Amino acid sequence: MNTEIKKGVILVAGLGTRFLPVTKAQPKEMLPIVNKPVVQYIVEEMVASGIKDIIFITSSTKRAIEDHFDKNFELEAALERSGKLEVLREVREISNKAKIFYARQPEQLGTGHALLCAREFVENEPFAFSDGDSIIDSKTPVFKQLTKVFEKYNGPVVGVKKISKQDVSRYGNIDGEQIEDKIVRINRTIEKPTLEEAASDLGISGMRYILTPEIFPILEKQPPGVGGEIWLNDSMNTLAQQTDTYALEYEGKWYDCGNKLEYLKAVVEFGLKHPELNGKFRDYLAELSKTL
């Protein structure tokens, strides 16, 4: 099997109920982090990792995502006439980053079911998989970090982080053997265990996977889990029994932008690094902190 990761799958079909009412008419993946929507950061991470073709698994309420990554000739012409050439360059880059495809998930039946909707697109190739609202700020793109492990060991890889004891029950837990620094060969995964059930302090976080087509037959046979839905992490346990599967403790800071507090943290921290805002925004926060 080819070890080059050229295809990416991004799940954006969810309803975004944690951000209602703003997500009633706007996809949660399109919420802005300074001047770019959340999902654009994920696309940029994939592209920076060498991925050329990306498919969004969408639903009927996600037309804004398609519009964002499509060309807007009227806007481009207006920017050119007004001499806003730098903004024009940024706008054009959005639609030129990668070849973008779309597939509909007809019903909200879980992450595993959504991934099955990408089966024809993936064909017989390894691929990257992410949700549409998890940003990871890192020196090296996380998908590039995962790809290096995949190329070395020729097996599926999932991104993990060390999890505190009080948070262990919020994440899929990794049971395995460490084969080198930051890399574990997975024996099994334990979905949201109690502290007593947890096998390690490594939790599946950031929704970053490099997967192989072997996942699809497993997903097809996967019985419904929590909420009567088919979940990818449930199938990862079966995958680890069938083929060598790895966990990488990646470098980077994860922001779950489907969570209000984490989203606000991302806005503030990315705002502090933005070249147009850095100094003024930092000064504003310093003044604001005196009133808290």
C-alpha atoms as a PDB file:
ATOM      1  CA  MET A   1       0.000   0.000   0.000  1.00  0.00           C
ATOM      2  CA  ASN A   2       1.172   3.507  -0.826  1.00  0.00           C
ATOM      3  CA  THR A   3       2.534   5.306   2.262  1.00  0.00           C
ATOM      4  CA  GLU A   4       2.163   8.834   0.856  1.00  0.00           C
ATOM      5  CA  ILE A   5      -0.738  10.698   2.469  1.00  0.00           C
ATOM      6  CA  LYS A   6      -2.391  12.691  -0.315  1.00  0.00           C
ATOM      7  CA  LYS A   7      -6.028  12.677   0.808  1.00  0.00           C
ATOM      8  CA  GLY A   8      -7.770  14.234   3.801  1.00  0.00           C
ATOM      9  CA  VAL A   9     -11.262  13.855   5.243  1.00  0.00           C
ATOM     10  CA  ILE A  10     -12.805  16.591   7.400  1.00  0.00           C
ATOM     11  CA  LEU A  11     -16.048  15.967   9.252  1.00  0.00           C
ATOM     12  CA  VAL A  12     -18.294  19.060   9.301  1.00  0.00           C
ATOM     13  CA  ALA A  13     -21.790  17.541   9.396  1.00  0.00           C
ATOM     14  CA  GLY A  14     -22.548  18.116  13.105  1.00  0.00           C
ATOM     15  CA  LEU A  15     -25.358  20.382  14.247  1.00  0.00           C
ATOM     16  CA  GLY A  16     -23.243  22.576  16.543  1.00  0.00           C
ATOM     17  CA  THR A  17     -25.849  22.592  19.317  1.00  0.00           C
ATOM     18  CA  ARG A  18     -23.341  23.781  21.945  1.00  0.00           C
ATOM     19  CA  PHE A  19     -23.130  27.135  20.137  1.00  0.00           C
ATOM     20  CA  LEU A  20     -26.811  27.781  19.538  1.00  0.00           C
ATOM     21  CA  PRO A  21     -28.327  30.165  18.648  1.00  0.00           C
ATOM     22  CA  VAL A  22     -25.411  31.452  16.510  1.00  0.00           C
ATOM     23  CA  THR A  23     -25.070  28.067  14.773  1.00  0.00           C
ATOM     24  CA  LYS A  24     -28.729  27.959  13.782  1.00  0.00           C
ATOM     25  CA  ALA A  25     -27.827  29.646  10.479  1.00  0.00           C
ATOM     26  CA  GLN A  26     -24.006  29.515  10.538  1.00  0.00           C
ATOM     27  CA  PRO A  27     -21.902  26.338  10.712  1.00  0.00           C
ATOM     28  CA  LYS A  28     -19.829  26.098  13.893  1.00  0.00           C
ATOM     29  CA  GLU A  29     -16.820  25.343  11.690  1.00  0.00           C
ATOM     30  CA  MET A  30     -17.188  28.823  10.180  1.00  0.00           C
ATOM     31  CA  LEU A  31     -16.891  30.679  13.491  1.00  0.00           C
ATOM     32  CA  PRO A  32     -14.007  33.156  13.140  1.00  0.00           C
ATOM     33  CA  ILE A  33     -10.629  32.978  14.819  1.00  0.00           C
ATOM     34  CA  VAL A  34      -9.529  36.574  14.129  1.00  0.00           C
ATOM     35  CA  ASN A  35      -9.995  36.776  10.333  1.00  0.00           C
ATOM     36  CA  LYS A  36     -10.196  33.098   9.336  1.00  0.00           C
ATOM     37  CA  PRO A  37     -12.862  30.495  10.121  1.00  0.00           C
ATOM     38  CA  VAL A  38     -11.951  27.542  12.320  1.00  0.00           C
ATOM     39  CA  VAL A  39     -12.109  25.017   9.485  1.00  0.00           C
ATOM     40  CA  GLN A  40      -9.633  26.970   7.348  1.00  0.00           C
ATOM     41  CA  TYR A  41      -6.918  26.393   9.951  1.00  0.00           C
ATOM     42  CA  ILE A  42      -7.504  22.631   9.607  1.00  0.00           C
ATOM     43  CA  VAL A  43      -7.360  22.772   5.805  1.00  0.00           C
ATOM     44  CA  GLU A  44      -4.121  24.769   6.028  1.00  0.00           C
ATOM     45  CA  GLU A  45      -2.643  22.166   8.389  1.00  0.00           C
ATOM     46  CA  MET A  46      -3.483  19.387   5.935  1.00  0.00           C
ATOM     47  CA  VAL A  47      -2.056  21.303   2.968  1.00  0.00           C
ATOM     48  CA  ALA A  48       1.135  22.088   4.920  1.00  0.00           C
ATOM     49  CA  SER A  49       1.428  18.337   5.546  1.00  0.00           C
ATOM     50  CA  GLY A  50       1.421  17.512   1.828  1.00  0.00           C
ATOM     51  CA  ILE A  51      -2.271  16.672   1.428  1.00  0.00           C
ATOM     52  CA  LYS A  52      -3.601  17.670  -1.991  1.00  0.00           C
ATOM     53  CA  ASP A  53      -7.220  16.401  -2.068  1.00  0.00           C
ATOM     54  CA  ILE A  54      -9.680  17.109   0.757  1.00  0.00           C
ATOM     55  CA  ILE A  55     -13.277  15.978   1.158  1.00  0.00           C
ATOM     56  CA  PHE A  56     -15.730  17.587   3.557  1.00  0.00           C
ATOM     57  CA  ILE A  57     -18.448  15.338   4.979  1.00  0.00           C
ATOM     58  CA  THR A  58     -21.276  17.843   5.195  1.00  0.00           C
ATOM     59  CA  SER A  59     -24.992  18.175   5.845  1.00  0.00           C
ATOM     60  CA  SER A  60     -27.724  20.329   4.330  1.00  0.00           C
ATOM     61  CA  THR A  61     -26.959  23.237   6.692  1.00  0.00           C
ATOM     62  CA  LYS A  62     -23.282  23.640   5.718  1.00  0.00           C
ATOM     63  CA  ARG A  63     -23.529  25.534   2.427  1.00  0.00           C
ATOM     64  CA  ALA A  64     -21.424  28.377   3.877  1.00  0.00           C
ATOM     65  CA  ILE A  65     -18.398  26.059   3.980  1.00  0.00           C
ATOM     66  CA  GLU A  66     -18.746  25.302   0.274  1.00  0.00           C
ATOM     67  CA  ASP A  67     -19.111  29.010  -0.490  1.00  0.00           C
ATOM     68  CA  HIS A  68     -16.013  29.858   1.558  1.00  0.00           C
ATOM     69  CA  PHE A  69     -13.736  27.463  -0.333  1.00  0.00           C
ATOM     70  CA  ASP A  70     -15.225  28.321  -3.735  1.00  0.00           C
ATOM     71  CA  LYS A  71     -14.170  31.231  -5.936  1.00  0.00           C
ATOM     72  CA  ASN A  72     -16.051  34.529  -5.571  1.00  0.00           C
ATOM     73  CA  PHE A  73     -15.426  36.372  -8.816  1.00  0.00           C
ATOM     74  CA  GLU A  74     -17.551  39.391  -7.867  1.00  0.00           C
ATOM     75  CA  LEU A  75     -15.615  39.904  -4.625  1.00  0.00           C
ATOM     76  CA  GLU A  76     -12.269  39.406  -6.358  1.00  0.00           C
ATOM     77  CA  ALA A  77     -13.144  41.972  -9.032  1.00  0.00           C
ATOM     78  CA  ALA A  78     -14.221  44.502  -6.386  1.00  0.00           C
ATOM     79  CA  LEU A  79     -10.986  44.036  -4.425  1.00  0.00           C
ATOM     80  CA  GLU A  80      -8.917  44.437  -7.572  1.00  0.00           C
ATOM     81  CA  ARG A  81     -10.740  47.645  -8.566  1.00  0.00           C
ATOM     82  CA  SER A  82     -10.195  49.130  -5.115  1.00  0.00           C
ATOM     83  CA  GLY A  83      -6.506  48.225  -5.086  1.00  0.00           C
ATOM     84  CA  LYS A  84      -6.767  45.879  -2.076  1.00  0.00           C
ATOM     85  CA  LEU A  85      -4.278  43.496  -3.617  1.00  0.00           C
ATOM     86  CA  GLU A  86      -3.020  41.841  -0.411  1.00  0.00           C
ATOM     87  CA  VAL A  87      -6.568  40.969   0.661  1.00  0.00           C
ATOM     88  CA  LEU A  88      -7.254  39.783  -2.901  1.00  0.00           C
ATOM     89  CA  ARG A  89      -4.267  37.456  -2.693  1.00  0.00           C
ATOM     90  CA  GLU A  90      -5.526  36.000   0.593  1.00  0.00           C
ATOM     91  CA  VAL A  91      -9.035  35.484  -0.799  1.00  0.00           C
ATOM     92  CA  ARG A  92      -7.745  33.760  -3.934  1.00  0.00           C
ATOM     93  CA  GLU A  93      -5.480  31.504  -1.884  1.00  0.00           C
ATOM     94  CA  ILE A  94      -8.501  30.060  -0.052  1.00  0.00           C
ATOM     95  CA  SER A  95      -9.903  28.392  -3.166  1.00  0.00           C
ATOM     96  CA  ASN A  96      -6.464  27.371  -4.462  1.00  0.00           C
ATOM     97  CA  LYS A  97      -5.163  25.602  -1.355  1.00  0.00           C
ATOM     98  CA  ALA A  98      -6.300  22.112  -2.398  1.00  0.00           C
ATOM     99  CA  LYS A  99      -8.798  20.261  -4.563  1.00  0.00           C
ATOM    100  CA  ILE A 100     -11.964  20.284  -2.470  1.00  0.00           C
ATOM    101  CA  PHE A 101     -14.727  17.675  -2.655  1.00  0.00           C
ATOM    102  CA  TYR A 102     -17.987  17.240  -0.748  1.00  0.00           C
ATOM    103  CA  ALA A 103     -20.142  14.320   0.374  1.00  0.00           C
ATOM    104  CA  ARG A 104     -23.371  14.478   2.364  1.00  0.00           C
ATOM    105  CA  GLN A 105     -23.996  12.526   5.541  1.00  0.00           C
ATOM    106  CA  PRO A 106     -27.763  11.988   5.177  1.00  0.00           C
ATOM    107  CA  GLU A 107     -28.323  11.433   8.910  1.00  0.00           C
ATOM    108  CA  GLN A 108     -26.349  12.370  12.017  1.00  0.00           C
ATOM    109  CA  LEU A 109     -25.306   8.842  13.003  1.00  0.00           C
ATOM    110  CA  GLY A 110     -21.861   9.418  14.509  1.00  0.00           C
ATOM    111  CA  THR A 111     -18.263   9.996  13.441  1.00  0.00           C
ATOM    112  CA  GLY A 112     -17.833   6.440  12.187  1.00  0.00           C
ATOM    113  CA  HIS A 113     -20.901   6.671   9.975  1.00  0.00           C
ATOM    114  CA  ALA A 114     -19.683  10.035   8.642  1.00  0.00           C
ATOM    115  CA  LEU A 115     -16.303   8.532   7.762  1.00  0.00           C
ATOM    116  CA  LEU A 116     -18.029   5.772   5.786  1.00  0.00           C
ATOM    117  CA  CYS A 117     -19.417   8.513   3.535  1.00  0.00           C
ATOM    118  CA  ALA A 118     -15.831   9.148   2.351  1.00  0.00           C
ATOM    119  CA  ARG A 119     -15.114   5.555   1.347  1.00  0.00           C
ATOM    120  CA  GLU A 120     -15.357   6.055  -2.432  1.00  0.00           C
ATOM    121  CA  PHE A 121     -13.177   9.166  -2.222  1.00  0.00           C
ATOM    122  CA  VAL A 122     -10.460   7.415  -0.202  1.00  0.00           C
ATOM    123  CA  GLU A 123     -10.377   4.296  -2.425  1.00  0.00           C
ATOM    124  CA  ASN A 124      -7.414   2.108  -1.443  1.00  0.00           C
ATOM    125  CA  GLU A 125      -5.172   4.821  -0.011  1.00  0.00           C
ATOM    126  CA  PRO A 126      -4.145   5.884   3.489  1.00  0.00           C
ATOM    127  CA  PHE A 127      -5.672   9.199   4.495  1.00  0.00           C
ATOM    128  CA  ALA A 128      -5.826  11.912   7.152  1.00  0.00           C
ATOM    129  CA  PHE A 129      -8.990  12.413   9.186  1.00  0.00           C
ATOM    130  CA  SER A 130     -10.128  15.282  11.418  1.00  0.00           C
ATOM    131  CA  ASP A 131     -13.263  16.931  12.658  1.00  0.00           C
ATOM    132  CA  GLY A 132     -13.929  20.518  11.617  1.00  0.00           C
ATOM    133  CA  ASP A 133     -13.590  22.348  14.918  1.00  0.00           C
ATOM    134  CA  SER A 134     -10.305  21.196  16.473  1.00  0.00           C
ATOM    135  CA  ILE A 135      -7.391  23.586  15.932  1.00  0.00           C
ATOM    136  CA  ILE A 136      -3.885  22.557  16.986  1.00  0.00           C
ATOM    137  CA  ASP A 137      -1.230  25.261  17.193  1.00  0.00           C
ATOM    138  CA  SER A 138       2.158  23.624  16.604  1.00  0.00           C
ATOM    139  CA  LYS A 139       5.579  24.316  15.120  1.00  0.00           C
ATOM    140  CA  THR A 140       5.287  21.282  12.839  1.00  0.00           C
ATOM    141  CA  PRO A 141       1.776  20.545  11.500  1.00  0.00           C
ATOM    142  CA  VAL A 142       0.331  17.647  13.479  1.00  0.00           C
ATOM    143  CA  PHE A 143      -0.643  15.707  10.369  1.00  0.00           C
ATOM    144  CA  LYS A 144       2.991  15.946   9.252  1.00  0.00           C
ATOM    145  CA  GLN A 145       4.059  14.576  12.646  1.00  0.00           C
ATOM    146  CA  LEU A 146       1.608  11.676  12.311  1.00  0.00           C
ATOM    147  CA  THR A 147       2.640  11.013   8.706  1.00  0.00           C
ATOM    148  CA  LYS A 148       6.271  10.515   9.741  1.00  0.00           C
ATOM    149  CA  VAL A 149       5.178   7.790  12.167  1.00  0.00           C
ATOM    150  CA  PHE A 150       2.961   6.195   9.513  1.00  0.00           C
ATOM    151  CA  GLU A 151       5.799   6.160   6.981  1.00  0.00           C
ATOM    152  CA  LYS A 152       8.152   4.547   9.496  1.00  0.00           C
ATOM    153  CA  TYR A 153       5.818   1.863  10.854  1.00  0.00           C
ATOM    154  CA  ASN A 154       3.304   1.501   7.984  1.00  0.00           C
ATOM    155  CA  GLY A 155       0.285   1.411  10.285  1.00  0.00           C
ATOM    156  CA  PRO A 156      -2.586   3.691  11.367  1.00  0.00           C
ATOM    157  CA  VAL A 157      -1.668   6.493  13.775  1.00  0.00           C
ATOM    158  CA  VAL A 158      -3.789   8.513  16.198  1.00  0.00           C
ATOM    159  CA  GLY A 159      -2.796  11.732  17.944  1.00  0.00           C
ATOM    160  CA  VAL A 160      -2.797  11.646  21.751  1.00  0.00           C
ATOM    161  CA  LYS A 161      -1.932  13.853  24.695  1.00  0.00           C
ATOM    162  CA  LYS A 162      -1.191  13.252  28.373  1.00  0.00           C
ATOM    163  CA  ILE A 163      -4.429  13.752  30.298  1.00  0.00           C
ATOM    164  CA  SER A 164      -4.829  14.778  33.939  1.00  0.00           C
ATOM    165  CA  LYS A 165      -6.489  12.348  36.349  1.00  0.00           C
ATOM    166  CA  GLN A 166      -9.593  14.507  36.675  1.00  0.00           C
ATOM    167  CA  ASP A 167     -10.068  14.535  32.880  1.00  0.00           C
ATOM    168  CA  VAL A 168      -9.308  10.890  32.099  1.00  0.00           C
ATOM    169  CA  SER A 169     -12.996   9.953  31.781  1.00  0.00           C
ATOM    170  CA  ARG A 170     -13.513  12.533  28.996  1.00  0.00           C
ATOM    171  CA  TYR A 171     -11.235  10.846  26.449  1.00  0.00           C
ATOM    172  CA  GLY A 172     -10.564   7.534  24.772  1.00  0.00           C
ATOM    173  CA  ASN A 173      -7.698   5.947  26.712  1.00  0.00           C
ATOM    174  CA  ILE A 174      -4.664   4.174  25.238  1.00  0.00           C
ATOM    175  CA  ASP A 175      -3.375   0.825  26.490  1.00  0.00           C
ATOM    176  CA  GLY A 176      -0.156  -0.174  24.765  1.00  0.00           C
ATOM    177  CA  GLU A 177       3.617  -0.484  24.824  1.00  0.00           C
ATOM    178  CA  GLN A 178       6.022   2.375  24.262  1.00  0.00           C
ATOM    179  CA  ILE A 179       8.307   1.583  21.320  1.00  0.00           C
ATOM    180  CA  GLU A 180      10.167   4.889  21.223  1.00  0.00           C
ATOM    181  CA  ASP A 181       9.908   8.368  22.687  1.00  0.00           C
ATOM    182  CA  LYS A 182       6.333   9.684  22.311  1.00  0.00           C
ATOM    183  CA  ILE A 183       5.209   6.622  20.286  1.00  0.00           C
ATOM    184  CA  VAL A 184       3.092   3.737  21.592  1.00  0.00           C
ATOM    185  CA  ARG A 185       1.946   0.579  19.815  1.00  0.00           C
ATOM    186  CA  ILE A 186      -1.718   0.281  20.784  1.00  0.00           C
ATOM    187  CA  ASN A 187      -3.022  -2.945  22.310  1.00  0.00           C
ATOM    188  CA  ARG A 188      -6.501  -1.599  22.946  1.00  0.00           C
ATOM    189  CA  THR A 189      -8.443   1.597  23.454  1.00  0.00           C
ATOM    190  CA  ILE A 190     -10.796   2.181  26.375  1.00  0.00           C
ATOM    191  CA  GLU A 191     -13.588   4.626  25.652  1.00  0.00           C
ATOM    192  CA  LYS A 192     -13.938   7.257  28.412  1.00  0.00           C
ATOM    193  CA  PRO A 193     -12.840   5.046  31.325  1.00  0.00           C
ATOM    194  CA  THR A 194     -13.072   5.733  35.022  1.00  0.00           C
ATOM    195  CA  LEU A 195      -9.785   6.545  36.742  1.00  0.00           C
ATOM    196  CA  GLU A 196      -9.624   2.920  37.931  1.00  0.00           C
ATOM    197  CA  GLU A 197     -10.232   1.559  34.420  1.00  0.00           C
ATOM    198  CA  ALA A 198      -7.677   3.788  32.670  1.00  0.00           C
ATOM    199  CA  ALA A 199      -4.586   1.962  31.418  1.00  0.00           C
ATOM    200  CA  SER A 200      -2.419   5.074  30.992  1.00  0.00           C
ATOM    201  CA  ASP A 201      -2.454   8.860  31.070  1.00  0.00           C
ATOM    202  CA  LEU A 202      -2.649   9.040  27.255  1.00  0.00           C
ATOM    203  CA  GLY A 203      -5.953  10.212  25.812  1.00  0.00           C
ATOM    204  CA  ILE A 204      -7.096  10.481  22.200  1.00  0.00           C
ATOM    205  CA  SER A 205      -7.300  14.245  21.710  1.00  0.00           C
ATOM    206  CA  GLY A 206      -7.367  16.757  18.901  1.00  0.00           C
ATOM    207  CA  MET A 207      -9.195  14.435  16.477  1.00  0.00           C
ATOM    208  CA  ARG A 208      -6.111  13.773  14.361  1.00  0.00           C
ATOM    209  CA  TYR A 209      -5.809  10.383  12.647  1.00  0.00           C
ATOM    210  CA  ILE A 210      -3.889   8.766   9.821  1.00  0.00           C
ATOM    211  CA  LEU A 211      -6.042   5.808   8.795  1.00  0.00           C
ATOM    212  CA  THR A 212      -5.956   3.026   6.217  1.00  0.00           C
ATOM    213  CA  PRO A 213      -8.861   1.556   4.208  1.00  0.00           C
ATOM    214  CA  GLU A 214      -8.994  -1.385   6.640  1.00  0.00           C
ATOM    215  CA  ILE A 215     -11.096   0.833   8.896  1.00  0.00           C
ATOM    216  CA  PHE A 216     -14.104   0.731   6.560  1.00  0.00           C
ATOM    217  CA  PRO A 217     -15.123  -2.959   6.920  1.00  0.00           C
ATOM    218  CA  ILE A 218     -14.792  -2.525  10.684  1.00  0.00           C
ATOM    219  CA  LEU A 219     -17.053   0.534  10.658  1.00  0.00           C
ATOM    220  CA  GLU A 220     -19.631  -1.320   8.561  1.00  0.00           C
ATOM    221  CA  LYS A 221     -19.876  -4.049  11.201  1.00  0.00           C
ATOM    222  CA  GLN A 222     -19.570  -1.730  14.202  1.00  0.00           C
ATOM    223  CA  PRO A 223     -22.697  -1.910  16.388  1.00  0.00           C
ATOM    224  CA  PRO A 224     -24.136   1.443  17.501  1.00  0.00           C
ATOM    225  CA  GLY A 225     -22.574   2.847  20.653  1.00  0.00           C
ATOM    226  CA  VAL A 226     -23.417   5.849  22.830  1.00  0.00           C
ATOM    227  CA  GLY A 227     -26.595   7.566  21.636  1.00  0.00           C
ATOM    228  CA  GLY A 228     -27.271   4.783  19.156  1.00  0.00           C
ATOM    229  CA  GLU A 229     -24.556   6.139  16.845  1.00  0.00           C
ATOM    230  CA  ILE A 230     -21.446   4.633  15.221  1.00  0.00           C
ATOM    231  CA  TRP A 231     -18.265   6.105  16.687  1.00  0.00           C
ATOM    232  CA  LEU A 232     -14.797   5.969  15.158  1.00  0.00           C
ATOM    233  CA  ASN A 233     -13.049   5.466  18.491  1.00  0.00           C
ATOM    234  CA  ASP A 234     -15.093   2.302  19.118  1.00  0.00           C
ATOM    235  CA  SER A 235     -13.739   0.898  15.845  1.00  0.00           C
ATOM    236  CA  MET A 236     -10.157   1.915  16.645  1.00  0.00           C
ATOM    237  CA  ASN A 237     -10.064  -0.816  19.290  1.00  0.00           C
ATOM    238  CA  THR A 238     -10.974  -3.450  16.691  1.00  0.00           C
ATOM    239  CA  LEU A 239      -8.456  -1.991  14.236  1.00  0.00           C
ATOM    240  CA  ALA A 240      -5.697  -2.296  16.838  1.00  0.00           C
ATOM    241  CA  GLN A 241      -6.513  -6.009  17.222  1.00  0.00           C
ATOM    242  CA  GLN A 242      -6.241  -6.592  13.463  1.00  0.00           C
ATOM    243  CA  THR A 243      -3.209  -4.508  12.494  1.00  0.00           C
ATOM    244  CA  ASP A 244      -0.365  -2.701  14.232  1.00  0.00           C
ATOM    245  CA  THR A 245      -1.785   0.690  15.207  1.00  0.00           C
ATOM    246  CA  TYR A 246       0.137   3.516  16.849  1.00  0.00           C
ATOM    247  CA  ALA A 247      -0.390   6.538  19.067  1.00  0.00           C
ATOM    248  CA  LEU A 248       1.802   9.621  18.818  1.00  0.00           C
ATOM    249  CA  GLU A 249       2.006  12.123  21.643  1.00  0.00           C
ATOM    250  CA  TYR A 250       2.125  15.082  19.280  1.00  0.00           C
ATOM    251  CA  GLU A 251       3.698  18.497  19.820  1.00  0.00           C
ATOM    252  CA  GLY A 252       1.143  21.287  19.843  1.00  0.00           C
ATOM    253  CA  LYS A 253      -1.650  22.978  21.768  1.00  0.00           C
ATOM    254  CA  TRP A 254      -5.173  21.766  21.051  1.00  0.00           C
ATOM    255  CA  TYR A 255      -8.192  24.070  21.051  1.00  0.00           C
ATOM    256  CA  ASP A 256     -11.581  22.340  20.993  1.00  0.00           C
ATOM    257  CA  CYS A 257     -13.456  25.129  19.228  1.00  0.00           C
ATOM    258  CA  GLY A 258     -16.739  23.286  19.678  1.00  0.00           C
ATOM    259  CA  ASN A 259     -16.441  24.274  23.340  1.00  0.00           C
ATOM    260  CA  LYS A 260     -17.248  27.906  24.231  1.00  0.00           C
ATOM    261  CA  LEU A 261     -14.360  28.422  26.653  1.00  0.00           C
ATOM    262  CA  GLU A 262     -11.795  26.733  24.398  1.00  0.00           C
ATOM    263  CA  TYR A 263     -13.062  28.761  21.451  1.00  0.00           C
ATOM    264  CA  LEU A 264     -12.584  32.016  23.372  1.00  0.00           C
ATOM    265  CA  LYS A 265      -9.079  30.937  24.396  1.00  0.00           C
ATOM    266  CA  ALA A 266      -8.242  30.345  20.735  1.00  0.00           C
ATOM    267  CA  VAL A 267      -9.572  33.775  19.726  1.00  0.00           C
ATOM    268  CA  VAL A 268      -7.470  35.495  22.403  1.00  0.00           C
ATOM    269  CA  GLU A 269      -4.267  33.517  21.861  1.00  0.00           C
ATOM    270  CA  PHE A 270      -4.367  33.695  18.064  1.00  0.00           C
ATOM    271  CA  GLY A 271      -5.251  37.389  18.355  1.00  0.00           C
ATOM    272  CA  LEU A 272      -2.121  37.960  20.428  1.00  0.00           C
ATOM    273  CA  LYS A 273      -0.013  36.444  17.634  1.00  0.00           C
ATOM    274  CA  HIS A 274      -1.725  38.234  14.761  1.00  0.00           C
ATOM    275  CA  PRO A 275       0.704  40.768  13.197  1.00  0.00           C
ATOM    276  CA  GLU A 276      -1.947  43.490  12.862  1.00  0.00           C
ATOM    277  CA  LEU A 277      -3.275  43.137  16.404  1.00  0.00           C
ATOM    278  CA  ASN A 278      -0.408  41.938  18.558  1.00  0.00           C
ATOM    279  CA  GLY A 279       0.649  45.147  20.352  1.00  0.00           C
ATOM    280  CA  LYS A 280      -2.712  46.918  20.650  1.00  0.00           C
ATOM    281  CA  PHE A 281      -4.573  43.770  21.655  1.00  0.00           C
ATOM    282  CA  ARG A 282      -1.932  42.876  24.239  1.00  0.00           C
ATOM    283  CA  ASP A 283      -2.165  46.391  25.709  1.00  0.00           C
ATOM    284  CA  TYR A 284      -5.957  46.124  25.816  1.00  0.00           C
ATOM    285  CA  LEU A 285      -5.834  42.786  27.650  1.00  0.00           C
ATOM    286  CA  ALA A 286      -3.295  44.179  30.122  1.00  0.00           C
ATOM    287  CA  GLU A 287      -5.648  47.073  30.930  1.00  0.00           C
ATOM    288  CA  LEU A 288      -8.658  44.776  31.087  1.00  0.00           C
ATOM    289  CA  SER A 289      -6.896  42.421  33.501  1.00  0.00           C
ATOM    290  CA  LYS A 290      -6.569  45.269  36.016  1.00  0.00           C
ATOM    291  CA  THR A 291     -10.363  45.450  36.264  1.00  0.00           C
ATOM    292  CA  LEU A 292     -10.910  41.730  36.895  1.00  0.00           C
END
